[in-house]
Structure formats: structure tokens, C-alpha cells
Amino acid sequence: MTGDTPQWLAPASLREALQLRADHGDDATIVAGGTYLGILMNQGFLAPGTLISLHRVPELRFLMTTGELHLGAMVTHRTVERSPLVQKRWPALARAFSVVASPRVRNQATVGGVLADADYASDPPSMLTALGARVVLRSSTAEREVPVEDFITGYYETDLREDELLVEVRVPGNVERAVYRKFRSRSTEDRPCVAVAAAVTAGRLRVVVGAVTDRPQHFPEVCAVADGMPLTADIAAEIGRRYAELIDPISDSRGSSVYRRRVIAVEVRRALEDLADG
């Protein structure tokens, strides 16, 4: 490494990538799509000494189904958005990826990267949480599965260990219906002020609100209000009201905490109305 230029490592196989991860640990930064990493480096928030790029690892570029949907970590947002398989079987997931930023960003940003970054204002994590998706984490010696709901632990923090790579996302195939709503307070390409994902699986409702605090918010005890009941307007409004009460939203450039509370109540209600009509 010369001067401030980071060392660039580009493994050509998953085995090589895992070994490099084991050798360097948290001293190296993983490069997937690089969209968010590039922003952090350009603004001086991150100055890694070593970068491990996954662009040449073919084992991380797959999209297939075995009943479940299997997404390799290096699959781009655009690929998920435009996949006929995803559009047919998981249309709400296709929509969640389709409203991220612009086509230029979606052509570069990856499934694994958006989860590993744990950016609170990303679109896909809320939808993946609502669908009950899991991440596959692999080291050079072991592999484990973690629900997306548990994987993201805080602002830009995850359960990923220093010798692991996120290699795959698995989405259950038994979702009966689902919706994704993105409320923007500024431009059409902006990140969400409030994101709401809702899904019904085996008759059980799951509502997840994102972009309002450190991680996607899900309250099973509130969703249980709808168990065994049709999703009426009254029930939708009640669940929206209770989500707004339970969540303590942040204030940022996209909206104040007070503003977000009002939007949460409205957008959760609308998501459930969409779900009832679907």
C-alpha cells in the first residue's frame, strides 16, 4: 500500500474470499456494489486500509427458487426488480427493490450490500423482514442462518462476525400476499421518510416499519389484533395508531419525529388497506 491508497484485493472464488476475510478480519472492508461505501469514503467518514472486492466471485451471483427464493449476495437490485420469477411469486419484493434511488444505483447496489450496510433508511430490509427472510453467513469453517430481523442490530450494525461474509438471502415461498409502501418527503429518488412492509403468511399478519429508527420495527403483539379477523378499516386504523404510539422515530432531514409519527399511522393503515384489497 502506498500513501493513502488502500490495498485492493480481488478474490476470484468464494473460497479465496473467505480466506481473505479470515486473514484480515475487521481490518479489511468488503466491497459489494460499493454505492454506499463510495459515499462514506468520498465524505471522509471511512478510510479503509484494505478493500476486499467480491465482484469477481461467481458463486455469489445467483437467483433461483427451490420453493424458497435464493438470492446470491452479489445479485443487483435491478436484477431482483426485473426478474420475472420475483415479479410473479414475490411482487412486493420486486417493488421494494424497484423504488431504491435510480436505475443507475440499482444496477450497481447488491442484495448482500444493502443488508450488510444496515443503513436505517434503505428500502429492502423492511420488506425482507416482513417476508421472514434469512441471511446465510459463512466463514472459512462454518455456516449459519440468521433472520433479517435479528441480523440488523442497530444503526449500521449487524450480527456479522469478523471472519464471515454474507453470501445469500433466503426468502420463504409461503407468503400469501404482501405490500410495500414508501413515503418520500422530498424528491422521487430520495430514500424513505417512512417505509411500511406488510405480509400475510399462513394467515398471520406481519407489519414492519423502516427508516424511522435504528432498525426495522415489528410488533407481533399489535399484529395479533388481526388474527382470525378480516382486515377491516377499523382494524387497519387501530394497528396504524398503535405502531405510531410504540415507535419513537428519529428526526433527520427527511422529517421530524412528530411528523414521522403521523406518517407512520397513515402509512401502516394504507398498507393494510392495500393488503385487504390485494
C-alpha atoms as a PDB file:
ATOM      1  CA  MET A   1       0.000   0.000   0.000  1.00  0.00           C
ATOM      2  CA  THR A   2       1.332   3.414  -0.997  1.00  0.00           C
ATOM      3  CA  GLY A   3       0.404   6.607   0.843  1.00  0.00           C
ATOM      4  CA  ASP A   4      -3.324   6.831   1.498  1.00  0.00           C
ATOM      5  CA  THR A   5      -4.255   4.399  -1.277  1.00  0.00           C
ATOM      6  CA  PRO A   6      -5.913   1.293   0.207  1.00  0.00           C
ATOM      7  CA  GLN A   7      -4.723  -2.165  -0.696  1.00  0.00           C
ATOM      8  CA  TRP A   8      -7.153  -3.693  -3.215  1.00  0.00           C
ATOM      9  CA  LEU A   9      -7.785  -7.441  -3.057  1.00  0.00           C
ATOM     10  CA  ALA A  10      -9.987  -9.116  -5.671  1.00  0.00           C
ATOM     11  CA  PRO A  11     -10.524 -12.833  -4.960  1.00  0.00           C
ATOM     12  CA  ALA A  12     -11.716 -14.955  -7.878  1.00  0.00           C
ATOM     13  CA  SER A  13     -13.609 -17.546  -5.832  1.00  0.00           C
ATOM     14  CA  LEU A  14     -15.703 -17.726  -2.690  1.00  0.00           C
ATOM     15  CA  ARG A  15     -13.118 -19.926  -1.037  1.00  0.00           C
ATOM     16  CA  GLU A  16     -10.425 -17.305  -1.644  1.00  0.00           C
ATOM     17  CA  ALA A  17     -12.714 -14.512  -0.434  1.00  0.00           C
ATOM     18  CA  LEU A  18     -13.483 -16.354   2.796  1.00  0.00           C
ATOM     19  CA  GLN A  19      -9.801 -16.980   3.424  1.00  0.00           C
ATOM     20  CA  LEU A  20      -9.004 -13.304   2.913  1.00  0.00           C
ATOM     21  CA  ARG A  21     -11.819 -12.402   5.275  1.00  0.00           C
ATOM     22  CA  ALA A  22     -10.403 -14.778   7.888  1.00  0.00           C
ATOM     23  CA  ASP A  23      -6.882 -13.393   7.415  1.00  0.00           C
ATOM     24  CA  HIS A  24      -7.809  -9.698   7.610  1.00  0.00           C
ATOM     25  CA  GLY A  25     -10.964  -9.658   9.761  1.00  0.00           C
ATOM     26  CA  ASP A  26     -12.303  -6.198  10.506  1.00  0.00           C
ATOM     27  CA  ASP A  27      -9.044  -4.628   9.317  1.00  0.00           C
ATOM     28  CA  ALA A  28     -10.414  -5.016   5.777  1.00  0.00           C
ATOM     29  CA  THR A  29     -13.598  -3.536   4.296  1.00  0.00           C
ATOM     30  CA  ILE A  30     -15.761  -5.638   1.982  1.00  0.00           C
ATOM     31  CA  VAL A  31     -16.769  -4.103  -1.359  1.00  0.00           C
ATOM     32  CA  ALA A  32     -20.014  -5.407  -2.882  1.00  0.00           C
ATOM     33  CA  GLY A  33     -21.857  -2.860  -5.023  1.00  0.00           C
ATOM     34  CA  GLY A  34     -19.852  -0.059  -3.461  1.00  0.00           C
ATOM     35  CA  THR A  35     -22.637   2.537  -3.713  1.00  0.00           C
ATOM     36  CA  TYR A  36     -22.833   3.310  -0.002  1.00  0.00           C
ATOM     37  CA  LEU A  37     -19.156   2.631   0.677  1.00  0.00           C
ATOM     38  CA  GLY A  38     -18.207   5.122  -2.012  1.00  0.00           C
ATOM     39  CA  ILE A  39     -20.262   7.844  -0.325  1.00  0.00           C
ATOM     40  CA  LEU A  40     -18.638   7.199   3.053  1.00  0.00           C
ATOM     41  CA  MET A  41     -15.133   7.271   1.588  1.00  0.00           C
ATOM     42  CA  ASN A  42     -15.765  10.369  -0.531  1.00  0.00           C
ATOM     43  CA  GLN A  43     -17.090  12.249   2.501  1.00  0.00           C
ATOM     44  CA  GLY A  44     -14.152  11.214   4.669  1.00  0.00           C
ATOM     45  CA  PHE A  45     -16.161   9.078   7.104  1.00  0.00           C
ATOM     46  CA  LEU A  46     -14.256   5.913   6.215  1.00  0.00           C
ATOM     47  CA  ALA A  47     -10.630   5.411   5.205  1.00  0.00           C
ATOM     48  CA  PRO A  48     -10.019   1.648   4.938  1.00  0.00           C
ATOM     49  CA  GLY A  49      -6.501   0.341   4.624  1.00  0.00           C
ATOM     50  CA  THR A  50      -7.583  -2.773   2.750  1.00  0.00           C
ATOM     51  CA  LEU A  51     -10.543  -3.405   0.440  1.00  0.00           C
ATOM     52  CA  ILE A  52     -11.745  -6.897  -0.474  1.00  0.00           C
ATOM     53  CA  SER A  53     -13.860  -6.765  -3.631  1.00  0.00           C
ATOM     54  CA  LEU A  54     -16.414  -9.514  -4.297  1.00  0.00           C
ATOM     55  CA  HIS A  55     -17.001  -8.528  -7.937  1.00  0.00           C
ATOM     56  CA  ARG A  56     -15.024 -11.465  -9.332  1.00  0.00           C
ATOM     57  CA  VAL A  57     -16.689 -14.133  -7.140  1.00  0.00           C
ATOM     58  CA  PRO A  58     -19.107 -16.030  -9.439  1.00  0.00           C
ATOM     59  CA  GLU A  59     -20.619 -18.148  -6.636  1.00  0.00           C
ATOM     60  CA  LEU A  60     -22.357 -15.050  -5.233  1.00  0.00           C
ATOM     61  CA  ARG A  61     -24.345 -14.224  -8.385  1.00  0.00           C
ATOM     62  CA  PHE A  62     -27.424 -16.432  -8.490  1.00  0.00           C
ATOM     63  CA  LEU A  63     -31.187 -16.045  -8.362  1.00  0.00           C
ATOM     64  CA  MET A  64     -33.216 -19.233  -8.169  1.00  0.00           C
ATOM     65  CA  THR A  65     -36.057 -20.943  -6.361  1.00  0.00           C
ATOM     66  CA  THR A  66     -36.438 -24.261  -4.572  1.00  0.00           C
ATOM     67  CA  GLY A  67     -39.817 -23.219  -3.229  1.00  0.00           C
ATOM     68  CA  GLU A  68     -37.920 -20.502  -1.389  1.00  0.00           C
ATOM     69  CA  LEU A  69     -36.257 -17.658  -3.241  1.00  0.00           C
ATOM     70  CA  HIS A  70     -32.452 -17.809  -3.121  1.00  0.00           C
ATOM     71  CA  LEU A  71     -30.561 -14.589  -3.814  1.00  0.00           C
ATOM     72  CA  GLY A  72     -26.783 -14.527  -4.002  1.00  0.00           C
ATOM     73  CA  ALA A  73     -25.190 -11.645  -2.151  1.00  0.00           C
ATOM     74  CA  MET A  74     -23.859 -10.048  -5.357  1.00  0.00           C
ATOM     75  CA  VAL A  75     -27.209 -10.036  -7.173  1.00  0.00           C
ATOM     76  CA  THR A  76     -28.066  -6.434  -8.009  1.00  0.00           C
ATOM     77  CA  HIS A  77     -31.218  -4.569  -7.057  1.00  0.00           C
ATOM     78  CA  ARG A  78     -32.027  -4.221 -10.755  1.00  0.00           C
ATOM     79  CA  THR A  79     -31.841  -7.987 -11.243  1.00  0.00           C
ATOM     80  CA  VAL A  80     -34.335  -8.597  -8.430  1.00  0.00           C
ATOM     81  CA  GLU A  81     -36.584  -5.801  -9.652  1.00  0.00           C
ATOM     82  CA  ARG A  82     -36.756  -7.145 -13.227  1.00  0.00           C
ATOM     83  CA  SER A  83     -36.758 -10.877 -12.550  1.00  0.00           C
ATOM     84  CA  PRO A  84     -39.937 -12.491 -13.953  1.00  0.00           C
ATOM     85  CA  LEU A  85     -39.721 -15.090 -11.179  1.00  0.00           C
ATOM     86  CA  VAL A  86     -39.653 -12.467  -8.425  1.00  0.00           C
ATOM     87  CA  GLN A  87     -42.329 -10.355 -10.108  1.00  0.00           C
ATOM     88  CA  LYS A  88     -44.648 -13.372 -10.265  1.00  0.00           C
ATOM     89  CA  ARG A  89     -44.018 -15.022  -6.890  1.00  0.00           C
ATOM     90  CA  TRP A  90     -42.765 -12.128  -4.725  1.00  0.00           C
ATOM     91  CA  PRO A  91     -44.142  -8.962  -6.395  1.00  0.00           C
ATOM     92  CA  ALA A  92     -43.896  -6.816  -3.260  1.00  0.00           C
ATOM     93  CA  LEU A  93     -40.190  -7.662  -3.023  1.00  0.00           C
ATOM     94  CA  ALA A  94     -39.686  -6.666  -6.656  1.00  0.00           C
ATOM     95  CA  ARG A  95     -41.414  -3.370  -5.889  1.00  0.00           C
ATOM     96  CA  ALA A  96     -39.263  -2.693  -2.807  1.00  0.00           C
ATOM     97  CA  PHE A  97     -36.099  -3.061  -4.875  1.00  0.00           C
ATOM     98  CA  SER A  98     -37.572  -1.075  -7.785  1.00  0.00           C
ATOM     99  CA  VAL A  99     -38.060   2.122  -5.764  1.00  0.00           C
ATOM    100  CA  VAL A 100     -34.474   2.357  -4.486  1.00  0.00           C
ATOM    101  CA  ALA A 101     -32.838   5.562  -5.746  1.00  0.00           C
ATOM    102  CA  SER A 102     -32.354   5.480  -9.542  1.00  0.00           C
ATOM    103  CA  PRO A 103     -31.732   2.760 -12.176  1.00  0.00           C
ATOM    104  CA  ARG A 104     -28.067   3.724 -12.186  1.00  0.00           C
ATOM    105  CA  VAL A 105     -27.787   2.965  -8.464  1.00  0.00           C
ATOM    106  CA  ARG A 106     -29.913  -0.196  -8.721  1.00  0.00           C
ATOM    107  CA  ASN A 107     -27.667  -1.553 -11.453  1.00  0.00           C
ATOM    108  CA  GLN A 108     -24.764  -1.403  -9.009  1.00  0.00           C
ATOM    109  CA  ALA A 109     -26.194  -1.912  -5.497  1.00  0.00           C
ATOM    110  CA  THR A 110     -26.379  -5.518  -4.297  1.00  0.00           C
ATOM    111  CA  VAL A 111     -28.671  -7.616  -2.122  1.00  0.00           C
ATOM    112  CA  GLY A 112     -25.894  -8.500   0.303  1.00  0.00           C
ATOM    113  CA  GLY A 113     -24.528  -4.991   0.442  1.00  0.00           C
ATOM    114  CA  VAL A 114     -27.801  -3.332   1.394  1.00  0.00           C
ATOM    115  CA  LEU A 115     -28.200  -5.673   4.368  1.00  0.00           C
ATOM    116  CA  ALA A 116     -24.561  -5.644   5.481  1.00  0.00           C
ATOM    117  CA  ASP A 117     -24.539  -1.832   5.445  1.00  0.00           C
ATOM    118  CA  ALA A 118     -27.565  -1.784   7.806  1.00  0.00           C
ATOM    119  CA  ASP A 119     -28.468   1.715   6.647  1.00  0.00           C
ATOM    120  CA  TYR A 120     -31.648   2.599   8.537  1.00  0.00           C
ATOM    121  CA  ALA A 121     -33.116   4.419   5.513  1.00  0.00           C
ATOM    122  CA  SER A 122     -32.792   1.597   2.976  1.00  0.00           C
ATOM    123  CA  ASP A 123     -35.897   0.125   1.357  1.00  0.00           C
ATOM    124  CA  PRO A 124     -35.250  -3.658   1.079  1.00  0.00           C
ATOM    125  CA  PRO A 125     -34.565  -4.546   4.762  1.00  0.00           C
ATOM    126  CA  SER A 126     -38.138  -3.762   5.883  1.00  0.00           C
ATOM    127  CA  MET A 127     -39.663  -5.837   3.084  1.00  0.00           C
ATOM    128  CA  LEU A 128     -37.294  -8.736   3.660  1.00  0.00           C
ATOM    129  CA  THR A 129     -38.089  -8.637   7.381  1.00  0.00           C
ATOM    130  CA  ALA A 130     -41.825  -8.707   6.693  1.00  0.00           C
ATOM    131  CA  LEU A 131     -41.361 -11.715   4.411  1.00  0.00           C
ATOM    132  CA  GLY A 132     -39.434 -13.608   7.103  1.00  0.00           C
ATOM    133  CA  ALA A 133     -36.220 -13.717   5.062  1.00  0.00           C
ATOM    134  CA  ARG A 134     -32.946 -15.081   6.443  1.00  0.00           C
ATOM    135  CA  VAL A 135     -29.335 -14.314   5.634  1.00  0.00           C
ATOM    136  CA  VAL A 136     -26.718 -17.015   5.189  1.00  0.00           C
ATOM    137  CA  LEU A 137     -23.421 -16.109   6.856  1.00  0.00           C
ATOM    138  CA  ARG A 138     -20.339 -18.139   6.029  1.00  0.00           C
ATOM    139  CA  SER A 139     -16.783 -18.264   7.315  1.00  0.00           C
ATOM    140  CA  SER A 140     -13.953 -20.478   6.118  1.00  0.00           C
ATOM    141  CA  THR A 141     -15.013 -23.079   8.701  1.00  0.00           C
ATOM    142  CA  ALA A 142     -18.765 -22.755   9.288  1.00  0.00           C
ATOM    143  CA  GLU A 143     -22.126 -21.504   8.051  1.00  0.00           C
ATOM    144  CA  ARG A 144     -25.178 -20.174   9.870  1.00  0.00           C
ATOM    145  CA  GLU A 145     -28.592 -18.680   9.088  1.00  0.00           C
ATOM    146  CA  VAL A 146     -29.932 -15.597  10.830  1.00  0.00           C
ATOM    147  CA  PRO A 147     -33.346 -13.947  10.311  1.00  0.00           C
ATOM    148  CA  VAL A 148     -33.006 -10.498   8.768  1.00  0.00           C
ATOM    149  CA  GLU A 149     -34.983  -9.258  11.769  1.00  0.00           C
ATOM    150  CA  ASP A 150     -32.127 -10.337  14.069  1.00  0.00           C
ATOM    151  CA  PHE A 151     -29.255  -9.644  11.677  1.00  0.00           C
ATOM    152  CA  ILE A 152     -29.603  -5.859  11.766  1.00  0.00           C
ATOM    153  CA  THR A 153     -28.827  -4.872  15.348  1.00  0.00           C
ATOM    154  CA  GLY A 154     -28.575  -1.061  15.233  1.00  0.00           C
ATOM    155  CA  TYR A 155     -27.523   1.926  13.166  1.00  0.00           C
ATOM    156  CA  TYR A 156     -25.077   0.488  10.614  1.00  0.00           C
ATOM    157  CA  GLU A 157     -24.512  -2.524  12.888  1.00  0.00           C
ATOM    158  CA  THR A 158     -25.155  -6.198  12.204  1.00  0.00           C
ATOM    159  CA  ASP A 159     -24.593  -9.666  13.647  1.00  0.00           C
ATOM    160  CA  LEU A 160     -21.883 -10.347  11.057  1.00  0.00           C
ATOM    161  CA  ARG A 161     -18.718 -11.697  12.658  1.00  0.00           C
ATOM    162  CA  GLU A 162     -15.267 -10.519  11.652  1.00  0.00           C
ATOM    163  CA  ASP A 163     -14.459 -13.759   9.805  1.00  0.00           C
ATOM    164  CA  GLU A 164     -17.813 -14.068   7.993  1.00  0.00           C
ATOM    165  CA  LEU A 165     -19.274 -12.983   4.689  1.00  0.00           C
ATOM    166  CA  LEU A 166     -22.966 -12.581   3.923  1.00  0.00           C
ATOM    167  CA  VAL A 167     -23.300 -14.977   0.990  1.00  0.00           C
ATOM    168  CA  GLU A 168     -27.041 -15.465   0.427  1.00  0.00           C
ATOM    169  CA  VAL A 169     -30.548 -14.266   1.279  1.00  0.00           C
ATOM    170  CA  ARG A 170     -33.374 -16.812   1.515  1.00  0.00           C
ATOM    171  CA  VAL A 171     -36.994 -15.684   1.229  1.00  0.00           C
ATOM    172  CA  PRO A 172     -39.817 -18.083   2.197  1.00  0.00           C
ATOM    173  CA  GLY A 173     -42.204 -19.037  -0.566  1.00  0.00           C
ATOM    174  CA  ASN A 174     -45.342 -19.412   1.525  1.00  0.00           C
ATOM    175  CA  VAL A 175     -46.290 -15.738   1.689  1.00  0.00           C
ATOM    176  CA  GLU A 176     -49.940 -15.341   0.733  1.00  0.00           C
ATOM    177  CA  ARG A 177     -49.837 -11.628  -0.076  1.00  0.00           C
ATOM    178  CA  ALA A 178     -47.643  -8.648   0.691  1.00  0.00           C
ATOM    179  CA  VAL A 179     -47.314  -4.927   0.020  1.00  0.00           C
ATOM    180  CA  TYR A 180     -44.606  -2.290   0.260  1.00  0.00           C
ATOM    181  CA  ARG A 181     -45.258   1.424   0.709  1.00  0.00           C
ATOM    182  CA  LYS A 182     -42.568   4.089   0.544  1.00  0.00           C
ATOM    183  CA  PHE A 183     -43.337   7.592   1.722  1.00  0.00           C
ATOM    184  CA  ARG A 184     -40.905  10.219   0.433  1.00  0.00           C
ATOM    185  CA  SER A 185     -40.881  13.720   1.838  1.00  0.00           C
ATOM    186  CA  ARG A 186     -38.546  15.173  -0.789  1.00  0.00           C
ATOM    187  CA  SER A 187     -37.574  14.003  -4.308  1.00  0.00           C
ATOM    188  CA  THR A 188     -38.869  10.920  -6.140  1.00  0.00           C
ATOM    189  CA  GLU A 189     -35.401   9.333  -5.928  1.00  0.00           C
ATOM    190  CA  ASP A 190     -34.979  10.064  -2.233  1.00  0.00           C
ATOM    191  CA  ARG A 191     -34.657   7.495   0.497  1.00  0.00           C
ATOM    192  CA  PRO A 192     -37.834   6.856   2.505  1.00  0.00           C
ATOM    193  CA  CYS A 193     -39.047   9.106   5.280  1.00  0.00           C
ATOM    194  CA  VAL A 194     -41.228   6.171   6.350  1.00  0.00           C
ATOM    195  CA  ALA A 195     -41.287   2.682   4.827  1.00  0.00           C
ATOM    196  CA  VAL A 196     -44.014   0.130   5.553  1.00  0.00           C
ATOM    197  CA  ALA A 197     -43.933  -3.535   4.565  1.00  0.00           C
ATOM    198  CA  ALA A 198     -46.830  -5.840   5.373  1.00  0.00           C
ATOM    199  CA  ALA A 199     -47.289  -9.527   4.637  1.00  0.00           C
ATOM    200  CA  VAL A 200     -49.696 -12.336   5.445  1.00  0.00           C
ATOM    201  CA  THR A 201     -48.172 -15.781   5.883  1.00  0.00           C
ATOM    202  CA  ALA A 202     -50.210 -18.794   6.989  1.00  0.00           C
ATOM    203  CA  GLY A 203     -52.990 -16.420   7.991  1.00  0.00           C
ATOM    204  CA  ARG A 204     -50.714 -14.349  10.257  1.00  0.00           C
ATOM    205  CA  LEU A 205     -50.110 -10.648   9.680  1.00  0.00           C
ATOM    206  CA  ARG A 206     -46.638  -9.152   9.877  1.00  0.00           C
ATOM    207  CA  VAL A 207     -46.147  -5.376   9.653  1.00  0.00           C
ATOM    208  CA  VAL A 208     -42.672  -3.820   9.574  1.00  0.00           C
ATOM    209  CA  VAL A 209     -41.885  -0.105   9.626  1.00  0.00           C
ATOM    210  CA  GLY A 210     -38.499   1.089   8.433  1.00  0.00           C
ATOM    211  CA  ALA A 211     -36.485   4.298   8.018  1.00  0.00           C
ATOM    212  CA  VAL A 212     -37.735   5.689  11.332  1.00  0.00           C
ATOM    213  CA  THR A 213     -35.273   4.318  13.870  1.00  0.00           C
ATOM    214  CA  ASP A 214     -32.102   2.218  14.082  1.00  0.00           C
ATOM    215  CA  ARG A 215     -33.631  -0.961  12.643  1.00  0.00           C
ATOM    216  CA  PRO A 216     -36.910  -2.167  11.093  1.00  0.00           C
ATOM    217  CA  GLN A 217     -39.698  -2.168  13.683  1.00  0.00           C
ATOM    218  CA  HIS A 218     -42.075  -5.110  14.092  1.00  0.00           C
ATOM    219  CA  PHE A 219     -44.622  -5.598  16.889  1.00  0.00           C
ATOM    220  CA  PRO A 220     -46.159  -9.100  16.815  1.00  0.00           C
ATOM    221  CA  GLU A 221     -48.496  -8.304  19.698  1.00  0.00           C
ATOM    222  CA  VAL A 222     -50.044  -5.463  17.708  1.00  0.00           C
ATOM    223  CA  CYS A 223     -50.316  -7.528  14.524  1.00  0.00           C
ATOM    224  CA  ALA A 224     -52.123 -10.205  16.579  1.00  0.00           C
ATOM    225  CA  VAL A 225     -55.116  -7.863  16.679  1.00  0.00           C
ATOM    226  CA  ALA A 226     -55.865  -9.108  13.155  1.00  0.00           C
ATOM    227  CA  ASP A 227     -55.569 -12.836  13.915  1.00  0.00           C
ATOM    228  CA  GLY A 228     -58.614 -14.670  12.607  1.00  0.00           C
ATOM    229  CA  MET A 229     -60.231 -11.390  11.553  1.00  0.00           C
ATOM    230  CA  PRO A 230     -60.770  -9.739   8.183  1.00  0.00           C
ATOM    231  CA  LEU A 231     -58.598  -6.666   7.646  1.00  0.00           C
ATOM    232  CA  THR A 232     -61.313  -4.059   8.108  1.00  0.00           C
ATOM    233  CA  ALA A 233     -60.772  -0.312   8.000  1.00  0.00           C
ATOM    234  CA  ASP A 234     -61.141  -0.151  11.772  1.00  0.00           C
ATOM    235  CA  ILE A 235     -58.504  -2.820  12.377  1.00  0.00           C
ATOM    236  CA  ALA A 236     -56.127  -1.178   9.891  1.00  0.00           C
ATOM    237  CA  ALA A 237     -56.526   2.167  11.655  1.00  0.00           C
ATOM    238  CA  GLU A 238     -56.054   0.596  15.081  1.00  0.00           C
ATOM    239  CA  ILE A 239     -52.822  -1.150  14.094  1.00  0.00           C
ATOM    240  CA  GLY A 240     -51.547   2.051  12.484  1.00  0.00           C
ATOM    241  CA  ARG A 241     -52.331   4.046  15.611  1.00  0.00           C
ATOM    242  CA  ARG A 242     -50.589   1.562  17.900  1.00  0.00           C
ATOM    243  CA  TYR A 243     -47.460   1.395  15.715  1.00  0.00           C
ATOM    244  CA  ALA A 244     -47.260   5.189  15.831  1.00  0.00           C
ATOM    245  CA  GLU A 245     -47.539   5.102  19.619  1.00  0.00           C
ATOM    246  CA  LEU A 246     -44.918   2.389  20.122  1.00  0.00           C
ATOM    247  CA  ILE A 247     -42.236   3.727  17.769  1.00  0.00           C
ATOM    248  CA  ASP A 248     -40.006   6.590  18.883  1.00  0.00           C
ATOM    249  CA  PRO A 249     -38.925   7.976  15.498  1.00  0.00           C
ATOM    250  CA  ILE A 250     -35.755   9.875  14.775  1.00  0.00           C
ATOM    251  CA  SER A 251     -35.623  13.399  13.398  1.00  0.00           C
ATOM    252  CA  ASP A 252     -33.481  13.956  10.320  1.00  0.00           C
ATOM    253  CA  SER A 253     -33.513  15.879   7.042  1.00  0.00           C
ATOM    254  CA  ARG A 254     -36.494  13.857   5.784  1.00  0.00           C
ATOM    255  CA  GLY A 255     -38.774  14.657   8.707  1.00  0.00           C
ATOM    256  CA  SER A 256     -39.094  15.364  12.399  1.00  0.00           C
ATOM    257  CA  SER A 257     -40.054  12.768  14.981  1.00  0.00           C
ATOM    258  CA  VAL A 258     -43.528  14.309  15.354  1.00  0.00           C
ATOM    259  CA  TYR A 259     -44.050  14.330  11.591  1.00  0.00           C
ATOM    260  CA  ARG A 260     -42.920  10.726  11.255  1.00  0.00           C
ATOM    261  CA  ARG A 261     -45.381   9.561  13.946  1.00  0.00           C
ATOM    262  CA  ARG A 262     -48.254  10.982  11.946  1.00  0.00           C
ATOM    263  CA  VAL A 263     -46.982   9.405   8.735  1.00  0.00           C
ATOM    264  CA  ILE A 264     -46.484   6.017  10.404  1.00  0.00           C
ATOM    265  CA  ALA A 265     -50.131   5.869  11.482  1.00  0.00           C
ATOM    266  CA  VAL A 266     -51.337   6.801   8.000  1.00  0.00           C
ATOM    267  CA  GLU A 267     -48.954   4.609   6.002  1.00  0.00           C
ATOM    268  CA  VAL A 268     -49.490   1.497   8.141  1.00  0.00           C
ATOM    269  CA  ARG A 269     -53.244   1.946   7.731  1.00  0.00           C
ATOM    270  CA  ARG A 270     -52.891   2.384   3.985  1.00  0.00           C
ATOM    271  CA  ALA A 271     -50.599  -0.644   3.691  1.00  0.00           C
ATOM    272  CA  LEU A 272     -53.184  -2.803   5.438  1.00  0.00           C
ATOM    273  CA  GLU A 273     -55.950  -1.428   3.234  1.00  0.00           C
ATOM    274  CA  ASP A 274     -53.824  -2.322   0.210  1.00  0.00           C
ATOM    275  CA  LEU A 275     -53.282  -5.779   1.662  1.00  0.00           C
ATOM    276  CA  ALA A 276     -57.034  -6.275   2.177  1.00  0.00           C
ATOM    277  CA  ASP A 277     -57.718  -5.232  -1.432  1.00  0.00           C
ATOM    278  CA  GLY A 278     -54.981  -7.427  -2.876  1.00  0.00           C
END
